[in-house]
Amino acid sequence: MRTFLLILGWSSVVGSFGDGALGLYALWINFTNDWGLLNITVDDFLRSYVGLIYWVKQVAFYVLPENIVLWLFNLPALLYFPVRIIMSVFIGWWALAKAAKLSNEKTSVKIP
């Protein structure tokens, strides 16, 4: 369980940096287009500007129900990425704290 929590925690924390980069890129695109793309969806943003990682949509269809994937990818990118960063940091912090607690419980074995 500890290994799973460590993987979840670190992937959430590292993923937050990727989400931050994508969020900043979406912000930059809006800035350079005189804020004409404020409501660009996650789907349109990934397909049009970051096509290299558009495959994540197919992965999402494998791991989530279709209606949730469609809802997530239709959210505005400038709303989605900041919320995702906050959630990833919180999940990562929680998972790493739980993993540390499990590690401390294993090392503090009392011998009678």
PDB file of N, CA and C in Angstrom:
ATOM      1  N   MET A   1       0.817  -1.188   0.000  1.00  0.00           N
ATOM      2  CA  MET A   1       0.000   0.000   0.000  1.00  0.00           C
ATOM      3  C   MET A   1       0.867   1.261   0.000  1.00  0.00           C
ATOM      4  N   ARG A   2       1.967   1.194   0.739  1.00  0.00           N
ATOM      5  CA  ARG A   2       2.864   2.350   0.806  1.00  0.00           C
ATOM      6  C   ARG A   2       3.433   2.688  -0.560  1.00  0.00           C
ATOM      7  N   THR A   3       3.812   1.670  -1.330  1.00  0.00           N
ATOM      8  CA  THR A   3       4.359   1.899  -2.674  1.00  0.00           C
ATOM      9  C   THR A   3       3.321   2.577  -3.558  1.00  0.00           C
ATOM     10  N   PHE A   4       2.081   2.098  -3.500  1.00  0.00           N
ATOM     11  CA  PHE A   4       1.003   2.714  -4.284  1.00  0.00           C
ATOM     12  C   PHE A   4       0.830   4.178  -3.906  1.00  0.00           C
ATOM     13  N   LEU A   5       0.832   4.477  -2.606  1.00  0.00           N
ATOM     14  CA  LEU A   5       0.666   5.851  -2.149  1.00  0.00           C
ATOM     15  C   LEU A   5       1.832   6.740  -2.590  1.00  0.00           C
ATOM     16  N   LEU A   6       3.045   6.198  -2.562  1.00  0.00           N
ATOM     17  CA  LEU A   6       4.206   6.970  -3.030  1.00  0.00           C
ATOM     18  C   LEU A   6       4.101   7.280  -4.516  1.00  0.00           C
ATOM     19  N   ILE A   7       3.701   6.287  -5.306  1.00  0.00           N
ATOM     20  CA  ILE A   7       3.542   6.514  -6.749  1.00  0.00           C
ATOM     21  C   ILE A   7       2.443   7.538  -7.005  1.00  0.00           C
ATOM     22  N   LEU A   8       1.316   7.383  -6.323  1.00  0.00           N
ATOM     23  CA  LEU A   8       0.212   8.330  -6.478  1.00  0.00           C
ATOM     24  C   LEU A   8       0.644   9.731  -6.067  1.00  0.00           C
ATOM     25  N   GLY A   9       1.316   9.834  -4.942  1.00  0.00           N
ATOM     26  CA  GLY A   9       1.740  11.136  -4.438  1.00  0.00           C
ATOM     27  C   GLY A   9       2.706  11.841  -5.360  1.00  0.00           C
ATOM     28  N   TRP A  10       3.761  11.145  -5.752  1.00  0.00           N
ATOM     29  CA  TRP A  10       4.762  11.779  -6.604  1.00  0.00           C
ATOM     30  C   TRP A  10       4.246  12.057  -8.003  1.00  0.00           C
ATOM     31  N   SER A  11       3.406  11.169  -8.544  1.00  0.00           N
ATOM     32  CA  SER A  11       2.857  11.439  -9.875  1.00  0.00           C
ATOM     33  C   SER A  11       1.905  12.633  -9.830  1.00  0.00           C
ATOM     34  N   SER A  12       1.202  12.809  -8.730  1.00  0.00           N
ATOM     35  CA  SER A  12       0.329  13.977  -8.591  1.00  0.00           C
ATOM     36  C   SER A  12       1.142  15.259  -8.505  1.00  0.00           C
ATOM     37  N   VAL A  13       2.198  15.237  -7.718  1.00  0.00           N
ATOM     38  CA  VAL A  13       3.028  16.428  -7.565  1.00  0.00           C
ATOM     39  C   VAL A  13       3.729  16.771  -8.879  1.00  0.00           C
ATOM     40  N   VAL A  14       4.325  15.793  -9.519  1.00  0.00           N
ATOM     41  CA  VAL A  14       5.013  16.029 -10.795  1.00  0.00           C
ATOM     42  C   VAL A  14       4.005  16.441 -11.866  1.00  0.00           C
ATOM     43  N   GLY A  15       2.844  15.786 -11.871  1.00  0.00           N
ATOM     44  CA  GLY A  15       1.805  16.140 -12.835  1.00  0.00           C
ATOM     45  C   GLY A  15       1.320  17.567 -12.681  1.00  0.00           C
ATOM     46  N   SER A  16       1.377  18.086 -11.471  1.00  0.00           N
ATOM     47  CA  SER A  16       0.975  19.474 -11.233  1.00  0.00           C
ATOM     48  C   SER A  16       1.855  20.450 -12.008  1.00  0.00           C
ATOM     49  N   PHE A  17       3.120  20.133 -12.132  1.00  0.00           N
ATOM     50  CA  PHE A  17       4.013  20.991 -12.919  1.00  0.00           C
ATOM     51  C   PHE A  17       3.633  20.971 -14.390  1.00  0.00           C
ATOM     52  N   GLY A  18       3.287  19.788 -14.903  1.00  0.00           N
ATOM     53  CA  GLY A  18       2.828  19.683 -16.292  1.00  0.00           C
ATOM     54  C   GLY A  18       1.532  20.444 -16.505  1.00  0.00           C
ATOM     55  N   ASP A  19       0.608  20.306 -15.563  1.00  0.00           N
ATOM     56  CA  ASP A  19      -0.657  21.043 -15.656  1.00  0.00           C
ATOM     57  C   ASP A  19      -0.412  22.546 -15.569  1.00  0.00           C
ATOM     58  N   GLY A  20       0.530  22.942 -14.736  1.00  0.00           N
ATOM     59  CA  GLY A  20       0.866  24.360 -14.640  1.00  0.00           C
ATOM     60  C   GLY A  20       1.420  24.898 -15.946  1.00  0.00           C
ATOM     61  N   ALA A  21       2.279  24.112 -16.590  1.00  0.00           N
ATOM     62  CA  ALA A  21       2.838  24.522 -17.877  1.00  0.00           C
ATOM     63  C   ALA A  21       1.735  24.644 -18.931  1.00  0.00           C
ATOM     64  N   LEU A  22       0.820  23.667 -18.943  1.00  0.00           N
ATOM     65  CA  LEU A  22      -0.285  23.733 -19.894  1.00  0.00           C
ATOM     66  C   LEU A  22      -1.185  24.930 -19.605  1.00  0.00           C
ATOM     67  N   GLY A  23      -1.447  25.185 -18.334  1.00  0.00           N
ATOM     68  CA  GLY A  23      -2.266  26.335 -17.964  1.00  0.00           C
ATOM     69  C   GLY A  23      -1.626  27.653 -18.366  1.00  0.00           C
ATOM     70  N   LEU A  24      -0.318  27.759 -18.154  1.00  0.00           N
ATOM     71  CA  LEU A  24       0.393  28.976 -18.570  1.00  0.00           C
ATOM     72  C   LEU A  24       0.393  29.130 -20.086  1.00  0.00           C
ATOM     73  N   TYR A  25       0.522  28.019 -20.793  1.00  0.00           N
ATOM     74  CA  TYR A  25       0.485  28.062 -22.259  1.00  0.00           C
ATOM     75  C   TYR A  25      -0.897  28.514 -22.739  1.00  0.00           C
ATOM     76  N   ALA A  26      -1.967  27.990 -22.120  1.00  0.00           N
ATOM     77  CA  ALA A  26      -3.323  28.418 -22.473  1.00  0.00           C
ATOM     78  C   ALA A  26      -3.508  29.909 -22.181  1.00  0.00           C
ATOM     79  N   LEU A  27      -2.953  30.369 -21.082  1.00  0.00           N
ATOM     80  CA  LEU A  27      -3.014  31.792 -20.744  1.00  0.00           C
ATOM     81  C   LEU A  27      -2.252  32.624 -21.778  1.00  0.00           C
ATOM     82  N   TRP A  28      -1.082  32.156 -22.174  1.00  0.00           N
ATOM     83  CA  TRP A  28      -0.268  32.851 -23.169  1.00  0.00           C
ATOM     84  C   TRP A  28      -0.995  32.931 -24.513  1.00  0.00           C
ATOM     85  N   ILE A  29      -1.611  31.839 -24.905  1.00  0.00           N
ATOM     86  CA  ILE A  29      -2.358  31.831 -26.171  1.00  0.00           C
ATOM     87  C   ILE A  29      -3.484  32.857 -26.119  1.00  0.00           C
ATOM     88  N   ASN A  30      -4.158  32.941 -24.995  1.00  0.00           N
ATOM     89  CA  ASN A  30      -5.220  33.932 -24.852  1.00  0.00           C
ATOM     90  C   ASN A  30      -4.671  35.353 -24.888  1.00  0.00           C
ATOM     91  N   PHE A  31      -3.556  35.558 -24.223  1.00  0.00           N
ATOM     92  CA  PHE A  31      -2.934  36.881 -24.209  1.00  0.00           C
ATOM     93  C   PHE A  31      -2.553  37.321 -25.615  1.00  0.00           C
ATOM     94  N   THR A  32      -1.941  36.423 -26.382  1.00  0.00           N
ATOM     95  CA  THR A  32      -1.503  36.774 -27.737  1.00  0.00           C
ATOM     96  C   THR A  32      -2.662  36.905 -28.722  1.00  0.00           C
ATOM     97  N   ASN A  33      -3.823  36.381 -28.373  1.00  0.00           N
ATOM     98  CA  ASN A  33      -5.009  36.507 -29.227  1.00  0.00           C
ATOM     99  C   ASN A  33      -6.010  37.522 -28.672  1.00  0.00           C
ATOM    100  N   ASP A  34      -5.512  38.478 -27.903  1.00  0.00           N
ATOM    101  CA  ASP A  34      -6.354  39.524 -27.310  1.00  0.00           C
ATOM    102  C   ASP A  34      -7.542  38.956 -26.543  1.00  0.00           C
ATOM    103  N   TRP A  35      -7.310  37.869 -25.815  1.00  0.00           N
ATOM    104  CA  TRP A  35      -8.296  37.231 -24.946  1.00  0.00           C
ATOM    105  C   TRP A  35      -9.524  36.743 -25.708  1.00  0.00           C
ATOM    106  N   GLY A  36      -9.337  36.452 -26.985  1.00  0.00           N
ATOM    107  CA  GLY A  36     -10.439  35.959 -27.806  1.00  0.00           C
ATOM    108  C   GLY A  36     -10.749  34.489 -27.594  1.00  0.00           C
ATOM    109  N   LEU A  37      -9.884  33.787 -26.886  1.00  0.00           N
ATOM    110  CA  LEU A  37     -10.088  32.348 -26.675  1.00  0.00           C
ATOM    111  C   LEU A  37     -10.337  32.017 -25.204  1.00  0.00           C
ATOM    112  N   LEU A  38     -10.969  32.923 -24.489  1.00  0.00           N
ATOM    113  CA  LEU A  38     -11.198  32.697 -23.063  1.00  0.00           C
ATOM    114  C   LEU A  38     -11.984  31.420 -22.787  1.00  0.00           C
ATOM    115  N   ASN A  39     -12.890  31.078 -23.647  1.00  0.00           N
ATOM    116  CA  ASN A  39     -13.720  29.900 -23.423  1.00  0.00           C
ATOM    117  C   ASN A  39     -13.258  28.670 -24.208  1.00  0.00           C
ATOM    118  N   ILE A  40     -12.008  28.649 -24.640  1.00  0.00           N
ATOM    119  CA  ILE A  40     -11.520  27.480 -25.357  1.00  0.00           C
ATOM    120  C   ILE A  40     -11.588  26.266 -24.426  1.00  0.00           C
ATOM    121  N   THR A  41     -12.131  25.186 -24.935  1.00  0.00           N
ATOM    122  CA  THR A  41     -12.284  23.991 -24.108  1.00  0.00           C
ATOM    123  C   THR A  41     -10.961  23.239 -24.012  1.00  0.00           C
ATOM    124  N   VAL A  42     -10.896  22.363 -23.049  1.00  0.00           N
ATOM    125  CA  VAL A  42      -9.708  21.521 -22.892  1.00  0.00           C
ATOM    126  C   VAL A  42      -9.499  20.711 -24.167  1.00  0.00           C
ATOM    127  N   ASP A  43     -10.580  20.172 -24.723  1.00  0.00           N
ATOM    128  CA  ASP A  43     -10.492  19.377 -25.946  1.00  0.00           C
ATOM    129  C   ASP A  43      -9.916  20.193 -27.099  1.00  0.00           C
ATOM    130  N   ASP A  44     -10.454  21.374 -27.340  1.00  0.00           N
ATOM    131  CA  ASP A  44      -9.959  22.224 -28.430  1.00  0.00           C
ATOM    132  C   ASP A  44      -8.521  22.674 -28.185  1.00  0.00           C
ATOM    133  N   PHE A  45      -8.212  23.001 -26.946  1.00  0.00           N
ATOM    134  CA  PHE A  45      -6.855  23.431 -26.610  1.00  0.00           C
ATOM    135  C   PHE A  45      -5.843  22.320 -26.885  1.00  0.00           C
ATOM    136  N   LEU A  46      -6.141  21.114 -26.391  1.00  0.00           N
ATOM    137  CA  LEU A  46      -5.202  20.009 -26.608  1.00  0.00           C
ATOM    138  C   LEU A  46      -5.103  19.653 -28.085  1.00  0.00           C
ATOM    139  N   ARG A  47      -6.231  19.584 -28.777  1.00  0.00           N
ATOM    140  CA  ARG A  47      -6.230  19.194 -30.181  1.00  0.00           C
ATOM    141  C   ARG A  47      -5.508  20.225 -31.051  1.00  0.00           C
ATOM    142  N   SER A  48      -5.755  21.508 -30.795  1.00  0.00           N
ATOM    143  CA  SER A  48      -5.221  22.558 -31.666  1.00  0.00           C
ATOM    144  C   SER A  48      -3.826  23.038 -31.296  1.00  0.00           C
ATOM    145  N   TYR A  49      -3.499  23.017 -30.022  1.00  0.00           N
ATOM    146  CA  TYR A  49      -2.239  23.639 -29.599  1.00  0.00           C
ATOM    147  C   TYR A  49      -1.236  22.672 -28.985  1.00  0.00           C
ATOM    148  N   VAL A  50      -1.693  21.549 -28.482  1.00  0.00           N
ATOM    149  CA  VAL A  50      -0.795  20.589 -27.841  1.00  0.00           C
ATOM    150  C   VAL A  50      -1.142  19.186 -28.350  1.00  0.00           C
ATOM    151  N   GLY A  51      -1.199  19.042 -29.656  1.00  0.00           N
ATOM    152  CA  GLY A  51      -1.610  17.782 -30.275  1.00  0.00           C
ATOM    153  C   GLY A  51      -0.772  16.588 -29.857  1.00  0.00           C
ATOM    154  N   LEU A  52       0.456  16.839 -29.429  1.00  0.00           N
ATOM    155  CA  LEU A  52       1.356  15.761 -29.017  1.00  0.00           C
ATOM    156  C   LEU A  52       0.793  14.947 -27.855  1.00  0.00           C
ATOM    157  N   ILE A  53      -0.008  15.575 -27.006  1.00  0.00           N
ATOM    158  CA  ILE A  53      -0.558  14.850 -25.854  1.00  0.00           C
ATOM    159  C   ILE A  53      -2.069  14.646 -25.951  1.00  0.00           C
ATOM    160  N   TYR A  54      -2.617  14.801 -27.137  1.00  0.00           N
ATOM    161  CA  TYR A  54      -4.065  14.620 -27.304  1.00  0.00           C
ATOM    162  C   TYR A  54      -4.490  13.174 -27.028  1.00  0.00           C
ATOM    163  N   TRP A  55      -3.555  12.257 -27.020  1.00  0.00           N
ATOM    164  CA  TRP A  55      -3.844  10.856 -26.740  1.00  0.00           C
ATOM    165  C   TRP A  55      -4.395  10.644 -25.336  1.00  0.00           C
ATOM    166  N   VAL A  56      -4.191  11.611 -24.442  1.00  0.00           N
ATOM    167  CA  VAL A  56      -4.708  11.451 -23.076  1.00  0.00           C
ATOM    168  C   VAL A  56      -6.227  11.341 -23.056  1.00  0.00           C
ATOM    169  N   LYS A  57      -6.875  11.878 -24.079  1.00  0.00           N
ATOM    170  CA  LYS A  57      -8.338  11.770 -24.139  1.00  0.00           C
ATOM    171  C   LYS A  57      -8.746  10.305 -24.308  1.00  0.00           C
ATOM    172  N   GLN A  58      -8.028   9.569 -25.130  1.00  0.00           N
ATOM    173  CA  GLN A  58      -8.338   8.148 -25.322  1.00  0.00           C
ATOM    174  C   GLN A  58      -8.080   7.357 -24.042  1.00  0.00           C
ATOM    175  N   VAL A  59      -7.022   7.696 -23.334  1.00  0.00           N
ATOM    176  CA  VAL A  59      -6.742   7.039 -22.056  1.00  0.00           C
ATOM    177  C   VAL A  59      -7.875   7.334 -21.069  1.00  0.00           C
ATOM    178  N   ALA A  60      -8.344   8.568 -21.067  1.00  0.00           N
ATOM    179  CA  ALA A  60      -9.441   8.937 -20.169  1.00  0.00           C
ATOM    180  C   ALA A  60     -10.690   8.107 -20.453  1.00  0.00           C
ATOM    181  N   PHE A  61     -10.956   7.828 -21.729  1.00  0.00           N
ATOM    182  CA  PHE A  61     -12.118   6.996 -22.067  1.00  0.00           C
ATOM    183  C   PHE A  61     -11.970   5.572 -21.537  1.00  0.00           C
ATOM    184  N   TYR A  62     -10.739   5.098 -21.405  1.00  0.00           N
ATOM    185  CA  TYR A  62     -10.517   3.751 -20.873  1.00  0.00           C
ATOM    186  C   TYR A  62     -10.703   3.677 -19.358  1.00  0.00           C
ATOM    187  N   VAL A  63     -10.392   4.769 -18.658  1.00  0.00           N
ATOM    188  CA  VAL A  63     -10.403   4.714 -17.188  1.00  0.00           C
ATOM    189  C   VAL A  63     -11.588   5.420 -16.534  1.00  0.00           C
ATOM    190  N   LEU A  64     -12.330   6.209 -17.292  1.00  0.00           N
ATOM    191  CA  LEU A  64     -13.459   6.949 -16.732  1.00  0.00           C
ATOM    192  C   LEU A  64     -14.715   6.698 -17.560  1.00  0.00           C
ATOM    193  N   PRO A  65     -15.875   6.893 -16.958  1.00  0.00           N
ATOM    194  CA  PRO A  65     -17.113   6.806 -17.743  1.00  0.00           C
ATOM    195  C   PRO A  65     -17.147   7.880 -18.838  1.00  0.00           C
ATOM    196  N   GLU A  66     -17.762   7.540 -19.958  1.00  0.00           N
ATOM    197  CA  GLU A  66     -17.774   8.431 -21.121  1.00  0.00           C
ATOM    198  C   GLU A  66     -18.336   9.811 -20.801  1.00  0.00           C
ATOM    199  N   ASN A  67     -19.437   9.867 -20.035  1.00  0.00           N
ATOM    200  CA  ASN A  67     -20.047  11.170 -19.758  1.00  0.00           C
ATOM    201  C   ASN A  67     -19.130  12.069 -18.928  1.00  0.00           C
ATOM    202  N   ILE A  68     -18.318  11.493 -18.071  1.00  0.00           N
ATOM    203  CA  ILE A  68     -17.368  12.298 -17.285  1.00  0.00           C
ATOM    204  C   ILE A  68     -16.241  12.818 -18.175  1.00  0.00           C
ATOM    205  N   VAL A  69     -15.739  11.966 -19.066  1.00  0.00           N
ATOM    206  CA  VAL A  69     -14.685  12.402 -19.990  1.00  0.00           C
ATOM    207  C   VAL A  69     -15.191  13.544 -20.866  1.00  0.00           C
ATOM    208  N   LEU A  70     -16.367  13.391 -21.415  1.00  0.00           N
ATOM    209  CA  LEU A  70     -16.924  14.447 -22.268  1.00  0.00           C
ATOM    210  C   LEU A  70     -17.118  15.733 -21.482  1.00  0.00           C
ATOM    211  N   TRP A  71     -17.579  15.626 -20.242  1.00  0.00           N
ATOM    212  CA  TRP A  71     -17.761  16.811 -19.412  1.00  0.00           C
ATOM    213  C   TRP A  71     -16.423  17.499 -19.133  1.00  0.00           C
ATOM    214  N   LEU A  72     -15.408  16.705 -18.722  1.00  0.00           N
ATOM    215  CA  LEU A  72     -14.094  17.278 -18.409  1.00  0.00           C
ATOM    216  C   LEU A  72     -13.458  17.955 -19.610  1.00  0.00           C
ATOM    217  N   PHE A  73     -13.527  17.315 -20.775  1.00  0.00           N
ATOM    218  CA  PHE A  73     -12.884  17.869 -21.958  1.00  0.00           C
ATOM    219  C   PHE A  73     -13.664  19.023 -22.574  1.00  0.00           C
ATOM    220  N   ASN A  74     -14.886  19.264 -22.096  1.00  0.00           N
ATOM    221  CA  ASN A  74     -15.654  20.419 -22.555  1.00  0.00           C
ATOM    222  C   ASN A  74     -15.575  21.603 -21.597  1.00  0.00           C
ATOM    223  N   LEU A  75     -14.842  21.457 -20.505  1.00  0.00           N
ATOM    224  CA  LEU A  75     -14.638  22.571 -19.583  1.00  0.00           C
ATOM    225  C   LEU A  75     -13.684  23.592 -20.205  1.00  0.00           C
ATOM    226  N   PRO A  76     -13.816  24.860 -19.833  1.00  0.00           N
ATOM    227  CA  PRO A  76     -12.839  25.853 -20.303  1.00  0.00           C
ATOM    228  C   PRO A  76     -11.446  25.535 -19.755  1.00  0.00           C
ATOM    229  N   ALA A  77     -10.457  25.587 -20.620  1.00  0.00           N
ATOM    230  CA  ALA A  77      -9.085  25.242 -20.225  1.00  0.00           C
ATOM    231  C   ALA A  77      -8.568  26.148 -19.108  1.00  0.00           C
ATOM    232  N   LEU A  78      -8.934  27.426 -19.162  1.00  0.00           N
ATOM    233  CA  LEU A  78      -8.449  28.355 -18.137  1.00  0.00           C
ATOM    234  C   LEU A  78      -9.100  28.131 -16.781  1.00  0.00           C
ATOM    235  N   LEU A  79     -10.160  27.375 -16.730  1.00  0.00           N
ATOM    236  CA  LEU A  79     -10.768  26.975 -15.467  1.00  0.00           C
ATOM    237  C   LEU A  79     -10.239  25.609 -15.030  1.00  0.00           C
ATOM    238  N   TYR A  80     -10.121  24.715 -15.985  1.00  0.00           N
ATOM    239  CA  TYR A  80      -9.739  23.329 -15.709  1.00  0.00           C
ATOM    240  C   TYR A  80      -8.342  23.207 -15.114  1.00  0.00           C
ATOM    241  N   PHE A  81      -7.351  23.824 -15.728  1.00  0.00           N
ATOM    242  CA  PHE A  81      -5.969  23.613 -15.284  1.00  0.00           C
ATOM    243  C   PHE A  81      -5.684  24.135 -13.879  1.00  0.00           C
ATOM    244  N   PRO A  82      -6.130  25.331 -13.498  1.00  0.00           N
ATOM    245  CA  PRO A  82      -5.886  25.754 -12.104  1.00  0.00           C
ATOM    246  C   PRO A  82      -6.564  24.839 -11.076  1.00  0.00           C
ATOM    247  N   VAL A  83      -7.797  24.416 -11.362  1.00  0.00           N
ATOM    248  CA  VAL A  83      -8.496  23.515 -10.438  1.00  0.00           C
ATOM    249  C   VAL A  83      -7.769  22.185 -10.356  1.00  0.00           C
ATOM    250  N   ARG A  84      -7.310  21.694 -11.494  1.00  0.00           N
ATOM    251  CA  ARG A  84      -6.585  20.421 -11.517  1.00  0.00           C
ATOM    252  C   ARG A  84      -5.269  20.522 -10.738  1.00  0.00           C
ATOM    253  N   ILE A  85      -4.590  21.623 -10.828  1.00  0.00           N
ATOM    254  CA  ILE A  85      -3.338  21.807 -10.079  1.00  0.00           C
ATOM    255  C   ILE A  85      -3.618  21.740  -8.579  1.00  0.00           C
ATOM    256  N   ILE A  86      -4.631  22.449  -8.140  1.00  0.00           N
ATOM    257  CA  ILE A  86      -4.976  22.458  -6.708  1.00  0.00           C
ATOM    258  C   ILE A  86      -5.336  21.052  -6.244  1.00  0.00           C
ATOM    259  N   MET A  87      -6.150  20.354  -7.019  1.00  0.00           N
ATOM    260  CA  MET A  87      -6.551  18.999  -6.639  1.00  0.00           C
ATOM    261  C   MET A  87      -5.351  18.053  -6.633  1.00  0.00           C
ATOM    262  N   SER A  88      -4.474  18.161  -7.618  1.00  0.00           N
ATOM    263  CA  SER A  88      -3.308  17.277  -7.683  1.00  0.00           C
ATOM    264  C   SER A  88      -2.366  17.504  -6.519  1.00  0.00           C
ATOM    265  N   VAL A  89      -2.166  18.757  -6.159  1.00  0.00           N
ATOM    266  CA  VAL A  89      -1.294  19.064  -5.015  1.00  0.00           C
ATOM    267  C   VAL A  89      -1.905  18.494  -3.736  1.00  0.00           C
ATOM    268  N   PHE A  90      -3.208  18.662  -3.559  1.00  0.00           N
ATOM    269  CA  PHE A  90      -3.872  18.146  -2.370  1.00  0.00           C
ATOM    270  C   PHE A  90      -3.791  16.618  -2.317  1.00  0.00           C
ATOM    271  N   ILE A  91      -4.087  15.948  -3.429  1.00  0.00           N
ATOM    272  CA  ILE A  91      -4.026  14.485  -3.471  1.00  0.00           C
ATOM    273  C   ILE A  91      -2.592  14.002  -3.240  1.00  0.00           C
ATOM    274  N   GLY A  92      -1.624  14.663  -3.871  1.00  0.00           N
ATOM    275  CA  GLY A  92      -0.224  14.295  -3.689  1.00  0.00           C
ATOM    276  C   GLY A  92       0.234  14.462  -2.263  1.00  0.00           C
ATOM    277  N   TRP A  93      -0.136  15.591  -1.651  1.00  0.00           N
ATOM    278  CA  TRP A  93       0.225  15.837  -0.253  1.00  0.00           C
ATOM    279  C   TRP A  93      -0.385  14.772   0.644  1.00  0.00           C
ATOM    280  N   TRP A  94      -1.674  14.463   0.433  1.00  0.00           N
ATOM    281  CA  TRP A  94      -2.356  13.462   1.240  1.00  0.00           C
ATOM    282  C   TRP A  94      -1.693  12.091   1.096  1.00  0.00           C
ATOM    283  N   ALA A  95      -1.421  11.677  -0.148  1.00  0.00           N
ATOM    284  CA  ALA A  95      -0.839  10.356  -0.388  1.00  0.00           C
ATOM    285  C   ALA A  95       0.563  10.252   0.205  1.00  0.00           C
ATOM    286  N   LEU A  96       1.368  11.285   0.058  1.00  0.00           N
ATOM    287  CA  LEU A  96       2.722  11.251   0.612  1.00  0.00           C
ATOM    288  C   LEU A  96       2.689  11.264   2.148  1.00  0.00           C
ATOM    289  N   ALA A  97       1.753  11.994   2.733  1.00  0.00           N
ATOM    290  CA  ALA A  97       1.614  12.003   4.193  1.00  0.00           C
ATOM    291  C   ALA A  97       1.198  10.624   4.704  1.00  0.00           C
ATOM    292  N   LYS A  98       0.262   9.980   4.010  1.00  0.00           N
ATOM    293  CA  LYS A  98      -0.166   8.629   4.400  1.00  0.00           C
ATOM    294  C   LYS A  98       0.982   7.635   4.255  1.00  0.00           C
ATOM    295  N   ALA A  99       1.751   7.755   3.167  1.00  0.00           N
ATOM    296  CA  ALA A  99       2.893   6.862   2.966  1.00  0.00           C
ATOM    297  C   ALA A  99       3.929   7.047   4.063  1.00  0.00           C
ATOM    298  N   ALA A 100       4.162   8.282   4.461  1.00  0.00           N
ATOM    299  CA  ALA A 100       5.116   8.552   5.544  1.00  0.00           C
ATOM    300  C   ALA A 100       4.609   7.965   6.859  1.00  0.00           C
ATOM    301  N   LYS A 101       3.316   8.065   7.093  1.00  0.00           N
ATOM    302  CA  LYS A 101       2.741   7.502   8.312  1.00  0.00           C
ATOM    303  C   LYS A 101       2.892   5.980   8.325  1.00  0.00           C
ATOM    304  N   LEU A 102       2.653   5.338   7.172  1.00  0.00           N
ATOM    305  CA  LEU A 102       2.840   3.887   7.080  1.00  0.00           C
ATOM    306  C   LEU A 102       4.296   3.511   7.307  1.00  0.00           C
ATOM    307  N   SER A 103       5.209   4.313   6.806  1.00  0.00           N
ATOM    308  CA  SER A 103       6.633   4.053   6.986  1.00  0.00           C
ATOM    309  C   SER A 103       7.015   4.168   8.460  1.00  0.00           C
ATOM    310  N   ASN A 104       6.490   5.162   9.142  1.00  0.00           N
ATOM    311  CA  ASN A 104       6.787   5.356  10.565  1.00  0.00           C
ATOM    312  C   ASN A 104       6.208   4.235  11.411  1.00  0.00           C
ATOM    313  N   GLU A 105       5.046   3.730  11.038  1.00  0.00           N
ATOM    314  CA  GLU A 105       4.431   2.630  11.789  1.00  0.00           C
ATOM    315  C   GLU A 105       5.255   1.359  11.660  1.00  0.00           C
ATOM    316  N   LYS A 106       5.847   1.130  10.494  1.00  0.00           N
ATOM    317  CA  LYS A 106       6.655  -0.075  10.287  1.00  0.00           C
ATOM    318  C   LYS A 106       7.989   0.005  11.029  1.00  0.00           C
ATOM    319  N   THR A 107       8.557   1.201  11.126  1.00  0.00           N
ATOM    320  CA  THR A 107       9.865   1.336  11.765  1.00  0.00           C
ATOM    321  C   THR A 107       9.774   1.451  13.280  1.00  0.00           C
ATOM    322  N   SER A 108       8.599   1.744  13.801  1.00  0.00           N
ATOM    323  CA  SER A 108       8.493   1.894  15.257  1.00  0.00           C
ATOM    324  C   SER A 108       7.882   0.645  15.896  1.00  0.00           C
ATOM    325  N   VAL A 109       8.408  -0.508  15.533  1.00  0.00           N
ATOM    326  CA  VAL A 109       7.945  -1.772  16.106  1.00  0.00           C
ATOM    327  C   VAL A 109       8.516  -1.879  17.518  1.00  0.00           C
ATOM    328  N   LYS A 110       7.626  -2.173  18.463  1.00  0.00           N
ATOM    329  CA  LYS A 110       8.059  -2.279  19.861  1.00  0.00           C
ATOM    330  C   LYS A 110       8.353  -3.747  20.180  1.00  0.00           C
ATOM    331  N   ILE A 111       9.500  -3.958  20.775  1.00  0.00           N
ATOM    332  CA  ILE A 111       9.896  -5.304  21.180  1.00  0.00           C
ATOM    333  C   ILE A 111       9.626  -5.422  22.680  1.00  0.00           C
ATOM    334  N   PRO A 112       8.861  -6.433  23.084  1.00  0.00           N
ATOM    335  CA  PRO A 112       8.527  -6.595  24.512  1.00  0.00           C
ATOM    336  C   PRO A 112       9.712  -6.987  25.362  1.00  0.00           C
TER     337      PRO A 112
END
